[in-house]
Amino acid sequence: MKGYQIGRKPKEDPHQVRKISEILMLSAWGFAMVLSSFLFLYFGYLIDEILGTTPNFMLCSFFLAIGLCIWKLYYEAKERGKKI
């Protein structure tokens, strides 16, 4: 049992913790992108039903949601890049 002592925890690798936090951040962004695109798609569908314009608002709001999520992801990646 190399490096282990009774009653002590092994030291955590900071690179491993950083990798896990990056994976969690990307999975959270994936979830946010899917959720927001479906919400915008649904609200666009409701507006289209009220106004009688079939796919116009639905498609525009869907692409708006995806564009905003990608922009926010890029902004956050840029800020994290400055910290490194």
C-alpha atoms as a PDB file:
ATOM      1  CA  MET A   1       0.000   0.000   0.000  1.00  0.00           C
ATOM      2  CA  LYS A   2       2.279   2.626  -1.318  1.00  0.00           C
ATOM      3  CA  GLY A   3       1.533   6.139  -0.092  1.00  0.00           C
ATOM      4  CA  TYR A   4      -1.357   5.247   2.207  1.00  0.00           C
ATOM      5  CA  GLN A   5      -1.336   5.602   5.947  1.00  0.00           C
ATOM      6  CA  ILE A   6      -3.995   4.463   8.325  1.00  0.00           C
ATOM      7  CA  GLY A   7      -6.361   7.293   9.172  1.00  0.00           C
ATOM      8  CA  ARG A   8      -5.240   9.592   6.335  1.00  0.00           C
ATOM      9  CA  LYS A   9      -6.870  10.275   3.040  1.00  0.00           C
ATOM     10  CA  PRO A  10      -4.809  10.173  -0.113  1.00  0.00           C
ATOM     11  CA  LYS A  11      -4.107  13.598  -1.603  1.00  0.00           C
ATOM     12  CA  GLU A  12      -6.409  14.651  -4.401  1.00  0.00           C
ATOM     13  CA  ASP A  13      -4.910  15.434  -7.756  1.00  0.00           C
ATOM     14  CA  PRO A  14      -5.842  19.054  -8.658  1.00  0.00           C
ATOM     15  CA  HIS A  15      -5.784  18.211 -12.365  1.00  0.00           C
ATOM     16  CA  GLN A  16      -8.330  15.444 -11.812  1.00  0.00           C
ATOM     17  CA  VAL A  17     -10.656  17.802  -9.932  1.00  0.00           C
ATOM     18  CA  ARG A  18     -10.305  20.389 -12.709  1.00  0.00           C
ATOM     19  CA  LYS A  19     -11.156  17.816 -15.387  1.00  0.00           C
ATOM     20  CA  ILE A  20     -14.244  16.718 -13.494  1.00  0.00           C
ATOM     21  CA  SER A  21     -15.418  20.319 -13.046  1.00  0.00           C
ATOM     22  CA  GLU A  22     -14.973  20.975 -16.779  1.00  0.00           C
ATOM     23  CA  ILE A  23     -16.969  17.863 -17.643  1.00  0.00           C
ATOM     24  CA  LEU A  24     -19.742  18.929 -15.265  1.00  0.00           C
ATOM     25  CA  MET A  25     -19.757  22.432 -16.771  1.00  0.00           C
ATOM     26  CA  LEU A  26     -20.114  21.053 -20.305  1.00  0.00           C
ATOM     27  CA  SER A  27     -22.877  18.666 -19.309  1.00  0.00           C
ATOM     28  CA  ALA A  28     -24.725  21.503 -17.564  1.00  0.00           C
ATOM     29  CA  TRP A  29     -24.428  23.616 -20.700  1.00  0.00           C
ATOM     30  CA  GLY A  30     -25.749  20.739 -22.788  1.00  0.00           C
ATOM     31  CA  PHE A  31     -28.741  20.408 -20.492  1.00  0.00           C
ATOM     32  CA  ALA A  32     -29.333  24.176 -20.555  1.00  0.00           C
ATOM     33  CA  MET A  33     -29.170  24.238 -24.350  1.00  0.00           C
ATOM     34  CA  VAL A  34     -31.695  21.414 -24.724  1.00  0.00           C
ATOM     35  CA  LEU A  35     -34.053  22.823 -22.105  1.00  0.00           C
ATOM     36  CA  SER A  36     -33.984  26.389 -23.425  1.00  0.00           C
ATOM     37  CA  SER A  37     -34.384  25.321 -27.040  1.00  0.00           C
ATOM     38  CA  PHE A  38     -37.468  23.259 -26.175  1.00  0.00           C
ATOM     39  CA  LEU A  39     -38.941  26.075 -24.076  1.00  0.00           C
ATOM     40  CA  PHE A  40     -38.370  28.641 -26.828  1.00  0.00           C
ATOM     41  CA  LEU A  41     -39.746  26.166 -29.372  1.00  0.00           C
ATOM     42  CA  TYR A  42     -42.888  25.680 -27.298  1.00  0.00           C
ATOM     43  CA  PHE A  43     -43.448  29.405 -26.725  1.00  0.00           C
ATOM     44  CA  GLY A  44     -42.892  30.047 -30.423  1.00  0.00           C
ATOM     45  CA  TYR A  45     -45.475  27.370 -31.198  1.00  0.00           C
ATOM     46  CA  LEU A  46     -47.971  29.041 -28.858  1.00  0.00           C
ATOM     47  CA  ILE A  47     -47.411  32.440 -30.490  1.00  0.00           C
ATOM     48  CA  ASP A  48     -47.807  30.856 -33.928  1.00  0.00           C
ATOM     49  CA  GLU A  49     -51.094  29.261 -32.882  1.00  0.00           C
ATOM     50  CA  ILE A  50     -52.416  32.579 -31.565  1.00  0.00           C
ATOM     51  CA  LEU A  51     -51.357  34.623 -34.602  1.00  0.00           C
ATOM     52  CA  GLY A  52     -51.942  31.938 -37.217  1.00  0.00           C
ATOM     53  CA  THR A  53     -48.400  32.021 -38.600  1.00  0.00           C
ATOM     54  CA  THR A  54     -47.441  28.389 -38.817  1.00  0.00           C
ATOM     55  CA  PRO A  55     -43.677  27.848 -38.297  1.00  0.00           C
ATOM     56  CA  ASN A  56     -42.335  31.422 -38.245  1.00  0.00           C
ATOM     57  CA  PHE A  57     -42.080  32.257 -34.531  1.00  0.00           C
ATOM     58  CA  MET A  58     -41.405  28.653 -33.609  1.00  0.00           C
ATOM     59  CA  LEU A  59     -38.305  28.401 -35.802  1.00  0.00           C
ATOM     60  CA  CYS A  60     -37.064  31.902 -34.999  1.00  0.00           C
ATOM     61  CA  SER A  61     -37.334  31.353 -31.250  1.00  0.00           C
ATOM     62  CA  PHE A  62     -35.661  27.935 -31.559  1.00  0.00           C
ATOM     63  CA  PHE A  63     -32.644  29.369 -33.398  1.00  0.00           C
ATOM     64  CA  LEU A  64     -32.568  32.325 -31.012  1.00  0.00           C
ATOM     65  CA  ALA A  65     -32.332  29.961 -28.029  1.00  0.00           C
ATOM     66  CA  ILE A  66     -29.520  27.954 -29.600  1.00  0.00           C
ATOM     67  CA  GLY A  67     -27.660  31.120 -30.606  1.00  0.00           C
ATOM     68  CA  LEU A  68     -27.939  32.616 -27.126  1.00  0.00           C
ATOM     69  CA  CYS A  69     -26.722  29.410 -25.477  1.00  0.00           C
ATOM     70  CA  ILE A  70     -23.731  29.167 -27.810  1.00  0.00           C
ATOM     71  CA  TRP A  71     -22.905  32.850 -27.222  1.00  0.00           C
ATOM     72  CA  LYS A  72     -23.105  32.422 -23.444  1.00  0.00           C
ATOM     73  CA  LEU A  73     -20.992  29.257 -23.588  1.00  0.00           C
ATOM     74  CA  TYR A  74     -18.375  31.080 -25.670  1.00  0.00           C
ATOM     75  CA  TYR A  75     -18.370  34.004 -23.215  1.00  0.00           C
ATOM     76  CA  GLU A  76     -17.895  31.699 -20.231  1.00  0.00           C
ATOM     77  CA  ALA A  77     -15.114  29.768 -21.984  1.00  0.00           C
ATOM     78  CA  LYS A  78     -13.410  33.056 -22.792  1.00  0.00           C
ATOM     79  CA  GLU A  79     -13.598  34.148 -19.136  1.00  0.00           C
ATOM     80  CA  ARG A  80     -12.209  30.794 -17.962  1.00  0.00           C
ATOM     81  CA  GLY A  81      -9.402  31.133 -20.494  1.00  0.00           C
ATOM     82  CA  LYS A  82      -8.423  34.472 -18.966  1.00  0.00           C
ATOM     83  CA  LYS A  83      -8.133  32.872 -15.519  1.00  0.00           C
ATOM     84  CA  ILE A  84      -5.710  30.211 -16.732  1.00  0.00           C
END
